[in-house]
């Protein structure tokens, strides 16, 4: 979010750049605006890290089964790829088979809440110390994963044969 003042009026813009505000006046203007828009406040959980980067996973569940995985890494807590963060490699995380099973089970149980949907992209983090999977977000259009395949098919190819 970008905050500017024009003629003494606070104006907020959507921005892909992460900013840090420290002035009380700026923080008040942002919080007041968010509250007028119906803010949703969540408890922050520290994410697991790999080589100094916080990371989470985008798991695409199709027809009830976890199919595609992407690692999203950042120096900040926000790992969204459209913010310019890096894609990591699943193999680099060195997660055990039991950990992957827990992640996939969490994703599949979450996706089951939307059983009428063919697929859903879930953002799942692992807690910093315990590596317990936690669902952060459900995405109806979380399937843009260039270069990621399952059974030799990307998300679009797999959805066509379903």
Foldseek 3Di string as FASTA:
>chain_A
DDWDADPNDIDDDDDLEDDDDDDPVVVVNVVVVCVVVPHDDDDDFFFADDPQWGWWWKWKAFLLFTFWIWIFTDNDRDRDVVSVTDIDDPVRVPDDPVLVVQQRVVVSVVCVVVNVQRMKIWIWGQGHPPGRIDTDDIGSPSQPDPPIGGPPHGPVVVVVVD
